[in-house]
C-alpha atoms as a PDB file:
ATOM      1  CA  MET A   1     107.386  90.901  87.786  1.00  0.00           C
ATOM      2  CA  LYS A   2     105.999  93.878  85.930  1.00  0.00           C
ATOM      3  CA  SER A   3     106.803  96.400  88.648  1.00  0.00           C
ATOM      4  CA  GLN A   4     110.314  95.115  89.090  1.00  0.00           C
ATOM      5  CA  ASN A   5     111.143  95.478  85.398  1.00  0.00           C
ATOM      6  CA  ALA A   6     109.492  98.886  85.333  1.00  0.00           C
ATOM      7  CA  GLY A   7     111.658  99.998  88.243  1.00  0.00           C
ATOM      8  CA  LEU A   8     114.781  98.674  86.588  1.00  0.00           C
ATOM      9  CA  PHE A   9     114.147 100.431  83.319  1.00  0.00           C
ATOM     10  CA  LEU A  10     113.277 103.694  85.042  1.00  0.00           C
ATOM     11  CA  VAL A  11     116.682 103.531  86.694  1.00  0.00           C
ATOM     12  CA  LEU A  12     118.277 102.917  83.302  1.00  0.00           C
ATOM     13  CA  VAL A  13     116.584 106.062  82.039  1.00  0.00           C
ATOM     14  CA  ILE A  14     118.180 108.045  84.847  1.00  0.00           C
ATOM     15  CA  ALA A  15     121.507 106.315  84.312  1.00  0.00           C
ATOM     16  CA  ALA A  16     121.398 107.479  80.709  1.00  0.00           C
ATOM     17  CA  ILE A  17     120.986 111.050  81.926  1.00  0.00           C
ATOM     18  CA  PHE A  18     124.066 110.632  84.120  1.00  0.00           C
ATOM     19  CA  VAL A  19     126.062 109.340  81.169  1.00  0.00           C
ATOM     20  CA  SER A  20     125.076 112.332  79.054  1.00  0.00           C
ATOM     21  CA  GLY A  21     125.934 114.836  81.745  1.00  0.00           C
ATOM     22  CA  CYS A  22     122.650 116.630  81.001  1.00  0.00           C
ATOM     23  CA  SER A  23     119.473 117.321  82.922  1.00  0.00           C
ATOM     24  CA  GLN A  24     116.052 116.139  81.853  1.00  0.00           C
ATOM     25  CA  GLU A  25     115.064 119.667  80.746  1.00  0.00           C
ATOM     26  CA  GLU A  26     118.059 119.929  78.390  1.00  0.00           C
ATOM     27  CA  LEU A  27     117.088 116.811  76.442  1.00  0.00           C
ATOM     28  CA  SER A  28     114.480 116.491  73.739  1.00  0.00           C
ATOM     29  CA  GLN A  29     112.066 113.559  73.860  1.00  0.00           C
ATOM     30  CA  GLU A  30     113.771 111.928  70.866  1.00  0.00           C
ATOM     31  CA  GLU A  31     117.246 112.317  72.374  1.00  0.00           C
ATOM     32  CA  LEU A  32     116.054 110.854  75.653  1.00  0.00           C
ATOM     33  CA  LYS A  33     114.374 107.909  73.898  1.00  0.00           C
ATOM     34  CA  GLN A  34     117.566 107.173  71.983  1.00  0.00           C
ATOM     35  CA  MET A  35     119.634 107.240  75.168  1.00  0.00           C
ATOM     36  CA  ILE A  36     117.150 104.972  76.947  1.00  0.00           C
ATOM     37  CA  THR A  37     117.277 102.477  74.099  1.00  0.00           C
ATOM     38  CA  GLU A  38     121.058 102.405  74.032  1.00  0.00           C
ATOM     39  CA  THR A  39     121.286 101.893  77.795  1.00  0.00           C
ATOM     40  CA  ALA A  40     118.465  99.341  78.052  1.00  0.00           C
ATOM     41  CA  GLU A  41     119.878  97.261  75.228  1.00  0.00           C
ATOM     42  CA  LYS A  42     122.940  96.574  77.372  1.00  0.00           C
ATOM     43  CA  VAL A  43     120.868  94.450  79.769  1.00  0.00           C
ATOM     44  CA  ASP A  44     120.168  90.871  78.684  1.00  0.00           C
ATOM     45  CA  THR A  45     120.014  89.114  82.053  1.00  0.00           C
ATOM     46  CA  TYR A  46     120.062  89.981  85.740  1.00  0.00           C
ATOM     47  CA  LYS A  47     119.222  88.558  89.161  1.00  0.00           C
ATOM     48  CA  LEU A  48     117.560  90.170  92.148  1.00  0.00           C
ATOM     49  CA  ASP A  49     116.916  89.736  95.858  1.00  0.00           C
ATOM     50  CA  MET A  50     113.882  91.333  97.476  1.00  0.00           C
ATOM     51  CA  ASN A  51     112.794  92.086 101.034  1.00  0.00           C
ATOM     52  CA  MET A  52     109.568  93.806 102.005  1.00  0.00           C
ATOM     53  CA  GLU A  53     107.994  94.766 105.323  1.00  0.00           C
ATOM     54  CA  MET A  54     104.466  96.163 105.555  1.00  0.00           C
ATOM     55  CA  LYS A  55     102.698  97.138 108.757  1.00  0.00           C
ATOM     56  CA  THR A  56      98.911  97.292 108.578  1.00  0.00           C
ATOM     57  CA  VAL A  57      96.496  98.672 111.161  1.00  0.00           C
ATOM     58  CA  MET A  58      92.727  98.327 110.699  1.00  0.00           C
ATOM     59  CA  SER A  59      90.474  99.952 113.259  1.00  0.00           C
ATOM     60  CA  ASN A  60      87.017 101.285 114.019  1.00  0.00           C
ATOM     61  CA  GLU A  61      85.567 103.127 116.982  1.00  0.00           C
ATOM     62  CA  THR A  62      85.890 100.183 119.364  1.00  0.00           C
ATOM     63  CA  GLU A  63      88.820  98.008 118.295  1.00  0.00           C
ATOM     64  CA  SER A  64      91.899  97.741 116.126  1.00  0.00           C
ATOM     65  CA  ILE A  65      93.843  94.932 114.487  1.00  0.00           C
ATOM     66  CA  GLU A  66      97.544  95.152 113.736  1.00  0.00           C
ATOM     67  CA  MET A  67      99.582  92.824 111.575  1.00  0.00           C
ATOM     68  CA  THR A  68     102.964  92.825 109.873  1.00  0.00           C
ATOM     69  CA  THR A  69     103.691  91.219 106.512  1.00  0.00           C
ATOM     70  CA  PHE A  70     107.202  90.129 105.580  1.00  0.00           C
ATOM     71  CA  ILE A  71     108.086  89.079 102.035  1.00  0.00           C
ATOM     72  CA  SER A  72     111.515  87.860 100.987  1.00  0.00           C
ATOM     73  CA  GLY A  73     112.601  86.265  97.764  1.00  0.00           C
ATOM     74  CA  ASN A  74     114.931  86.057  94.830  1.00  0.00           C
ATOM     75  CA  GLY A  75     114.574  85.877  91.096  1.00  0.00           C
ATOM     76  CA  ALA A  76     116.213  85.970  87.697  1.00  0.00           C
ATOM     77  CA  VAL A  77     115.257  87.566  84.385  1.00  0.00           C
ATOM     78  CA  ASP A  78     116.361  86.601  80.882  1.00  0.00           C
ATOM     79  CA  GLN A  79     115.206  89.459  78.669  1.00  0.00           C
ATOM     80  CA  GLU A  80     116.519  88.010  75.429  1.00  0.00           C
ATOM     81  CA  ASN A  81     114.681  84.683  75.791  1.00  0.00           C
ATOM     82  CA  ARG A  82     111.672  86.118  77.604  1.00  0.00           C
ATOM     83  CA  LYS A  83     112.037  84.036  80.729  1.00  0.00           C
ATOM     84  CA  MET A  84     111.786  84.883  84.401  1.00  0.00           C
ATOM     85  CA  MET A  85     111.504  83.148  87.754  1.00  0.00           C
ATOM     86  CA  MET A  86     110.709  84.278  91.293  1.00  0.00           C
ATOM     87  CA  LYS A  87     110.630  82.442  94.612  1.00  0.00           C
ATOM     88  CA  LEU A  88     108.889  84.256  97.461  1.00  0.00           C
ATOM     89  CA  THR A  89     108.230  83.539 101.124  1.00  0.00           C
ATOM     90  CA  THR A  90     105.478  85.522 102.835  1.00  0.00           C
ATOM     91  CA  SER A  91     104.840  85.545 106.575  1.00  0.00           C
ATOM     92  CA  LEU A  92     102.141  87.326 108.564  1.00  0.00           C
ATOM     93  CA  SER A  93     102.330  88.103 112.263  1.00  0.00           C
ATOM     94  CA  GLY A  94      99.796  89.621 114.606  1.00  0.00           C
ATOM     95  CA  LEU A  95      96.836  87.519 113.505  1.00  0.00           C
ATOM     96  CA  GLU A  96      94.429  86.508 116.251  1.00  0.00           C
ATOM     97  CA  GLU A  97      94.086  82.872 115.193  1.00  0.00           C
ATOM     98  CA  LYS A  98      97.816  82.204 115.040  1.00  0.00           C
ATOM     99  CA  GLU A  99     100.928  84.128 115.943  1.00  0.00           C
ATOM    100  CA  SER A 100     102.261  83.746 112.419  1.00  0.00           C
ATOM    101  CA  PHE A 101     101.228  82.410 109.026  1.00  0.00           C
ATOM    102  CA  GLU A 102     103.677  81.566 106.245  1.00  0.00           C
ATOM    103  CA  THR A 103     103.284  80.808 102.544  1.00  0.00           C
ATOM    104  CA  GLU A 104     105.770  79.990  99.814  1.00  0.00           C
ATOM    105  CA  MET A 105     105.323  80.780  96.137  1.00  0.00           C
ATOM    106  CA  GLU A 106     107.194  79.939  92.944  1.00  0.00           C
ATOM    107  CA  MET A 107     106.566  81.730  89.657  1.00  0.00           C
ATOM    108  CA  TYR A 108     107.950  81.148  86.167  1.00  0.00           C
ATOM    109  CA  TYR A 109     107.288  83.017  82.934  1.00  0.00           C
ATOM    110  CA  ILE A 110     108.263  80.804  79.996  1.00  0.00           C
ATOM    111  CA  GLU A 111     107.001  80.724  76.406  1.00  0.00           C
ATOM    112  CA  SER A 112     104.195  83.235  77.063  1.00  0.00           C
ATOM    113  CA  GLU A 113     102.830  81.238  79.993  1.00  0.00           C
ATOM    114  CA  MET A 114     102.898  82.077  83.679  1.00  0.00           C
ATOM    115  CA  TYR A 115     103.346  79.097  86.025  1.00  0.00           C
ATOM    116  CA  MET A 116     102.611  79.471  89.738  1.00  0.00           C
ATOM    117  CA  LYS A 117     102.670  77.264  92.810  1.00  0.00           C
ATOM    118  CA  MET A 118     101.622  78.384  96.285  1.00  0.00           C
ATOM    119  CA  ASP A 119     102.212  76.352  99.435  1.00  0.00           C
ATOM    120  CA  MET A 120     100.196  77.656 102.392  1.00  0.00           C
ATOM    121  CA  GLY A 121     101.281  74.848 104.685  1.00  0.00           C
ATOM    122  CA  VAL A 122      97.662  73.710 105.069  1.00  0.00           C
ATOM    123  CA  PRO A 123      96.988  69.989 104.427  1.00  0.00           C
ATOM    124  CA  GLU A 124      93.441  70.758 103.255  1.00  0.00           C
ATOM    125  CA  PHE A 125      94.874  72.945 100.479  1.00  0.00           C
ATOM    126  CA  PRO A 126      97.906  71.100  99.091  1.00  0.00           C
ATOM    127  CA  ALA A 127     100.335  72.983  96.892  1.00  0.00           C
ATOM    128  CA  ARG A 128      99.805  72.536  93.175  1.00  0.00           C
ATOM    129  CA  TRP A 129     101.011  74.102  89.963  1.00  0.00           C
ATOM    130  CA  MET A 130      98.726  76.319  87.879  1.00  0.00           C
ATOM    131  CA  LYS A 131      99.414  78.094  84.607  1.00  0.00           C
ATOM    132  CA  MET A 132      97.948  80.987  82.663  1.00  0.00           C
ATOM    133  CA  LYS A 133      98.415  81.831  79.010  1.00  0.00           C
ATOM    134  CA  MET A 134      99.654  85.405  78.755  1.00  0.00           C
ATOM    135  CA  PRO A 135      99.190  87.692  75.745  1.00  0.00           C
ATOM    136  CA  GLU A 136     102.341  88.284  73.726  1.00  0.00           C
ATOM    137  CA  GLU A 137     102.222  91.988  74.512  1.00  0.00           C
ATOM    138  CA  ASN A 138     102.343  91.215  78.228  1.00  0.00           C
ATOM    139  CA  TRP A 139     106.103  90.756  78.067  1.00  0.00           C
ATOM    140  CA  GLU A 140     106.583  93.628  75.649  1.00  0.00           C
ATOM    141  CA  SER A 141     104.723  96.004  77.928  1.00  0.00           C
ATOM    142  CA  GLN A 142     107.308  95.453  80.636  1.00  0.00           C
ATOM    143  CA  ASN A 143     110.057  96.887  78.450  1.00  0.00           C
ATOM    144  CA  GLN A 144     108.034  99.559  76.695  1.00  0.00           C
ATOM    145  CA  LEU A 145     110.313 102.572  76.693  1.00  0.00           C
ATOM    146  CA  ASP A 146     107.497 105.042  76.191  1.00  0.00           C
ATOM    147  CA  GLN A 147     105.912 103.917  79.459  1.00  0.00           C
ATOM    148  CA  GLN A 148     109.175 104.502  81.290  1.00  0.00           C
ATOM    149  CA  LEU A 149     109.321 107.983  79.811  1.00  0.00           C
ATOM    150  CA  GLU A 150     105.835 108.601  81.188  1.00  0.00           C
ATOM    151  CA  LEU A 151     106.904 107.456  84.642  1.00  0.00           C
ATOM    152  CA  LEU A 152     109.951 109.701  84.522  1.00  0.00           C
ATOM    153  CA  ASN A 153     107.909 112.680  83.351  1.00  0.00           C
ATOM    154  CA  VAL A 154     105.501 112.448  86.310  1.00  0.00           C
ATOM    155  CA  SER A 155     108.273 112.257  88.908  1.00  0.00           C
ATOM    156  CA  GLU A 156     110.565 114.710  90.627  1.00  0.00           C
ATOM    157  CA  ILE A 157     114.220 113.616  90.511  1.00  0.00           C
ATOM    158  CA  GLU A 158     116.620 114.601  93.287  1.00  0.00           C
ATOM    159  CA  ILE A 159     120.342 113.776  93.319  1.00  0.00           C
ATOM    160  CA  LEU A 160     121.273 113.011  96.932  1.00  0.00           C
ATOM    161  CA  GLY A 161     125.002 112.514  96.364  1.00  0.00           C
ATOM    162  CA  SER A 162     127.286 109.481  96.533  1.00  0.00           C
ATOM    163  CA  GLU A 163     127.396 106.416  98.760  1.00  0.00           C
ATOM    164  CA  GLU A 164     129.329 103.171  98.944  1.00  0.00           C
ATOM    165  CA  ILE A 165     127.299  99.939  98.754  1.00  0.00           C
ATOM    166  CA  ASP A 166     129.155  96.658  99.316  1.00  0.00           C
ATOM    167  CA  GLY A 167     132.408  98.411  98.484  1.00  0.00           C
ATOM    168  CA  ILE A 168     131.044  99.910  95.251  1.00  0.00           C
ATOM    169  CA  GLU A 169     130.808 103.673  94.722  1.00  0.00           C
ATOM    170  CA  CYS A 170     127.275 104.670  93.727  1.00  0.00           C
ATOM    171  CA  TYR A 171     125.201 107.690  92.828  1.00  0.00           C
ATOM    172  CA  VAL A 172     122.153 108.050  95.083  1.00  0.00           C
ATOM    173  CA  LEU A 173     118.900 109.347  93.576  1.00  0.00           C
ATOM    174  CA  LYS A 174     115.445 109.974  94.985  1.00  0.00           C
ATOM    175  CA  ILE A 175     112.339 109.781  92.797  1.00  0.00           C
ATOM    176  CA  THR A 176     109.058 111.274  94.038  1.00  0.00           C
ATOM    177  CA  PRO A 177     106.077 110.700  91.715  1.00  0.00           C
ATOM    178  CA  ASP A 178     103.151 113.056  91.245  1.00  0.00           C
ATOM    179  CA  MET A 179     100.277 110.837  92.392  1.00  0.00           C
ATOM    180  CA  GLU A 180      97.584 112.464  90.277  1.00  0.00           C
ATOM    181  CA  LYS A 181      99.615 112.247  87.084  1.00  0.00           C
ATOM    182  CA  LEU A 182     100.845 108.734  87.882  1.00  0.00           C
ATOM    183  CA  TRP A 183      97.290 107.464  88.411  1.00  0.00           C
ATOM    184  CA  GLU A 184      96.258 108.992  85.100  1.00  0.00           C
ATOM    185  CA  VAL A 185      99.141 107.223  83.353  1.00  0.00           C
ATOM    186  CA  ILE A 186      98.269 103.870  84.973  1.00  0.00           C
ATOM    187  CA  THR A 187      94.562 103.967  84.141  1.00  0.00           C
ATOM    188  CA  ASN A 188      95.173 104.980  80.526  1.00  0.00           C
ATOM    189  CA  ARG A 189      97.706 102.290  79.654  1.00  0.00           C
ATOM    190  CA  PRO A 190      96.782  99.640  77.066  1.00  0.00           C
ATOM    191  CA  GLY A 191      95.496  96.441  78.678  1.00  0.00           C
ATOM    192  CA  ILE A 192      94.018  98.095  81.751  1.00  0.00           C
ATOM    193  CA  ASN A 193      90.575  96.632  82.407  1.00  0.00           C
ATOM    194  CA  GLU A 194      87.365  98.639  82.299  1.00  0.00           C
ATOM    195  CA  GLN A 195      86.912  98.608  86.075  1.00  0.00           C
ATOM    196  CA  MET A 196      90.268 100.335  86.475  1.00  0.00           C
ATOM    197  CA  LYS A 197      89.370 102.883  83.801  1.00  0.00           C
ATOM    198  CA  GLU A 198      86.141 103.692  85.622  1.00  0.00           C
ATOM    199  CA  LEU A 199      88.312 104.830  88.535  1.00  0.00           C
ATOM    200  CA  ASN A 200      89.991 107.488  86.400  1.00  0.00           C
ATOM    201  CA  ASP A 201      88.525 110.266  88.585  1.00  0.00           C
ATOM    202  CA  PHE A 202      89.859 108.592  91.718  1.00  0.00           C
ATOM    203  CA  ASP A 203      92.343 110.763  93.647  1.00  0.00           C
ATOM    204  CA  LEU A 204      95.283 108.546  94.569  1.00  0.00           C
ATOM    205  CA  GLY A 205      96.685 111.381  96.656  1.00  0.00           C
ATOM    206  CA  ASP A 206      93.823 110.908  99.115  1.00  0.00           C
ATOM    207  CA  ILE A 207      95.234 107.483  99.966  1.00  0.00           C
ATOM    208  CA  VAL A 208      98.987 107.684  99.378  1.00  0.00           C
ATOM    209  CA  LYS A 209     100.338 110.046 102.014  1.00  0.00           C
ATOM    210  CA  GLU A 210     104.013 109.433 101.352  1.00  0.00           C
ATOM    211  CA  THR A 211     105.915 107.667  98.597  1.00  0.00           C
ATOM    212  CA  TYR A 212     109.360 107.813  97.077  1.00  0.00           C
ATOM    213  CA  VAL A 213     111.993 105.529  95.579  1.00  0.00           C
ATOM    214  CA  LYS A 214     115.721 105.755  96.229  1.00  0.00           C
ATOM    215  CA  TYR A 215     118.182 104.316  93.713  1.00  0.00           C
ATOM    216  CA  TRP A 216     121.843 103.399  94.059  1.00  0.00           C
ATOM    217  CA  ILE A 217     123.532 103.420  90.635  1.00  0.00           C
ATOM    218  CA  THR A 218     127.120 102.278  90.219  1.00  0.00           C
ATOM    219  CA  LYS A 219     129.464 104.988  89.003  1.00  0.00           C
ATOM    220  CA  ASP A 220     131.367 102.645  86.691  1.00  0.00           C
ATOM    221  CA  THR A 221     128.654 100.630  84.887  1.00  0.00           C
ATOM    222  CA  LYS A 222     125.719 103.026  85.526  1.00  0.00           C
ATOM    223  CA  PHE A 223     123.518 100.027  86.395  1.00  0.00           C
ATOM    224  CA  PRO A 224     121.337  99.981  89.540  1.00  0.00           C
ATOM    225  CA  ILE A 225     122.420  97.699  92.367  1.00  0.00           C
ATOM    226  CA  LYS A 226     119.795  98.672  94.932  1.00  0.00           C
ATOM    227  CA  THR A 227     116.375 100.322  95.177  1.00  0.00           C
ATOM    228  CA  LEU A 228     114.384 101.265  98.258  1.00  0.00           C
ATOM    229  CA  THR A 229     110.676 102.029  97.906  1.00  0.00           C
ATOM    230  CA  ARG A 230     108.823 103.695 100.744  1.00  0.00           C
ATOM    231  CA  MET A 231     105.037 104.100 100.812  1.00  0.00           C
ATOM    232  CA  LYS A 232     102.492 105.081 103.437  1.00  0.00           C
ATOM    233  CA  MET A 233      98.765 104.785 102.710  1.00  0.00           C
ATOM    234  CA  GLU A 234      95.720 105.786 104.715  1.00  0.00           C
ATOM    235  CA  LEU A 235      92.189 104.631 103.949  1.00  0.00           C
ATOM    236  CA  THR A 236      89.659 106.690 105.870  1.00  0.00           C
ATOM    237  CA  PRO A 237      86.169 105.445 106.797  1.00  0.00           C
ATOM    238  CA  GLU A 238      84.800 107.596 103.970  1.00  0.00           C
ATOM    239  CA  ILE A 239      87.029 105.899 101.401  1.00  0.00           C
ATOM    240  CA  MET A 240      86.411 102.391 102.733  1.00  0.00           C
ATOM    241  CA  SER A 241      82.698 102.805 103.413  1.00  0.00           C
ATOM    242  CA  THR A 242      80.096 100.788 101.495  1.00  0.00           C
ATOM    243  CA  SER A 243      76.313 100.689 101.681  1.00  0.00           C
ATOM    244  CA  ASP A 244      76.519  97.542 103.813  1.00  0.00           C
ATOM    245  CA  ALA A 245      78.964  99.233 106.150  1.00  0.00           C
ATOM    246  CA  ASN A 246      76.697 102.248 106.487  1.00  0.00           C
ATOM    247  CA  VAL A 247      73.734 100.037 107.394  1.00  0.00           C
ATOM    248  CA  SER A 248      75.655  98.201 110.071  1.00  0.00           C
ATOM    249  CA  GLY A 249      77.331 101.327 111.375  1.00  0.00           C
ATOM    250  CA  PHE A 250      80.745  99.726 110.962  1.00  0.00           C
ATOM    251  CA  GLN A 251      83.183 102.472 109.906  1.00  0.00           C
ATOM    252  CA  PRO A 252      86.671 100.978 109.488  1.00  0.00           C
ATOM    253  CA  SER A 253      89.880 102.800 108.658  1.00  0.00           C
ATOM    254  CA  MET A 254      93.205 101.360 107.581  1.00  0.00           C
ATOM    255  CA  THR A 255      96.836 102.466 107.439  1.00  0.00           C
ATOM    256  CA  MET A 256      99.594 100.620 105.575  1.00  0.00           C
ATOM    257  CA  ASP A 257     103.260 101.477 105.948  1.00  0.00           C
ATOM    258  CA  SER A 258     105.607  99.574 103.624  1.00  0.00           C
ATOM    259  CA  GLU A 259     109.273  99.471 102.677  1.00  0.00           C
ATOM    260  CA  ILE A 260     110.651  97.370  99.814  1.00  0.00           C
ATOM    261  CA  GLU A 261     114.357  96.796  99.192  1.00  0.00           C
ATOM    262  CA  ILE A 262     115.543  95.177  95.952  1.00  0.00           C
ATOM    263  CA  LYS A 263     119.150  94.381  95.115  1.00  0.00           C
ATOM    264  CA  TYR A 264     120.159  93.751  91.488  1.00  0.00           C
ATOM    265  CA  TYR A 265     123.274  91.822  90.506  1.00  0.00           C
ATOM    266  CA  ASP A 266     124.922  89.512  87.955  1.00  0.00           C
ATOM    267  CA  TYR A 267     124.069  91.716  85.005  1.00  0.00           C
ATOM    268  CA  ASN A 268     124.560  89.944  81.677  1.00  0.00           C
ATOM    269  CA  GLU A 269     125.884  86.826  83.391  1.00  0.00           C
ATOM    270  CA  PRO A 270     124.692  83.417  82.102  1.00  0.00           C
ATOM    271  CA  VAL A 271     121.410  82.438  83.766  1.00  0.00           C
ATOM    272  CA  GLU A 272     119.450  79.178  83.549  1.00  0.00           C
ATOM    273  CA  ILE A 273     115.695  79.459  83.958  1.00  0.00           C
ATOM    274  CA  GLU A 274     114.101  76.052  83.500  1.00  0.00           C
ATOM    275  CA  LEU A 275     110.575  75.003  84.362  1.00  0.00           C
ATOM    276  CA  PRO A 276     110.478  72.332  87.111  1.00  0.00           C
ATOM    277  CA  GLU A 277     109.406  68.933  85.832  1.00  0.00           C
ATOM    278  CA  GLU A 278     106.363  68.782  88.121  1.00  0.00           C
ATOM    279  CA  ALA A 279     105.086  72.077  86.671  1.00  0.00           C
ATOM    280  CA  ARG A 280     104.712  70.638  83.170  1.00  0.00           C
ATOM    281  CA  ASN A 281     101.357  69.113  84.155  1.00  0.00           C
ATOM    282  CA  ALA A 282     100.070  72.349  85.659  1.00  0.00           C
ATOM    283  CA  THR A 283      96.320  72.988  85.744  1.00  0.00           C
ATOM    284  CA  GLU A 284      95.139  75.559  83.208  1.00  0.00           C
ATOM    285  CA  PHE A 285      93.817  78.685  84.876  1.00  0.00           C
ATOM    286  CA  PRO A 286      92.043  81.522  83.013  1.00  0.00           C
ATOM    287  CA  MET A 287      93.813  84.863  82.985  1.00  0.00           C
ATOM    288  CA  MET A 288      92.040  87.589  84.930  1.00  0.00           C
ATOM    289  CA  ILE A 289      92.114  90.930  83.117  1.00  0.00           C
END
């Protein structure tokens, strides 16, 4: 949920720049903040569809394992009433035990509580609802305009031109983040746990070999209707190694190649997000920070 809202509001930042007819360098921080606020305040509700494909290869000197993860789902967000819902289906292929493995998940954020249900299709682990109490600032942090400014300031913006999506004329943008600066922003945000902060010297660029986000923004409303995120990561034996691995001589490496497509629609249309009746007796689960 957090990354989806962050992506949306980053697009709204860029849309504001389009509206102004100015480049980022020609705007002061205060002018940019004001434009972001004015644009973001136009969004009360929206829906989204998501599809993700990630190919993973793990190998050592003698063998390799390949698997592909597919995630598809849909959701809705009500900013004004602080509600959201997501339904996701995840399938894995290439596992040795079975040709495929599928799970279904439902998530709701209502009244500062996150409700989740996961169905793995395994009788020994029946699906059940769990809930976690979330801090009030958890929702606020998703719409924090200063954080979106930080994301924008550590990225290179390229205007690719125009393209028609589902009969709608759109601007096409490409955002390429600076990994070192982005990692610094992430680890210094409020609410990040101490273990994450201890990784502040970690070089994300050693792992992320390629990443960018493309945005399609409608020319009439200046709202995003599609995003495409591409990321390729490589974990070398040196990065993955542990003392146990060194003792055993097992030196694994891993590559992950992912592509995520999200389509946004029904901006500011009425949306009903209601907690299912069976979720009202959800088991309390402590929040992991």
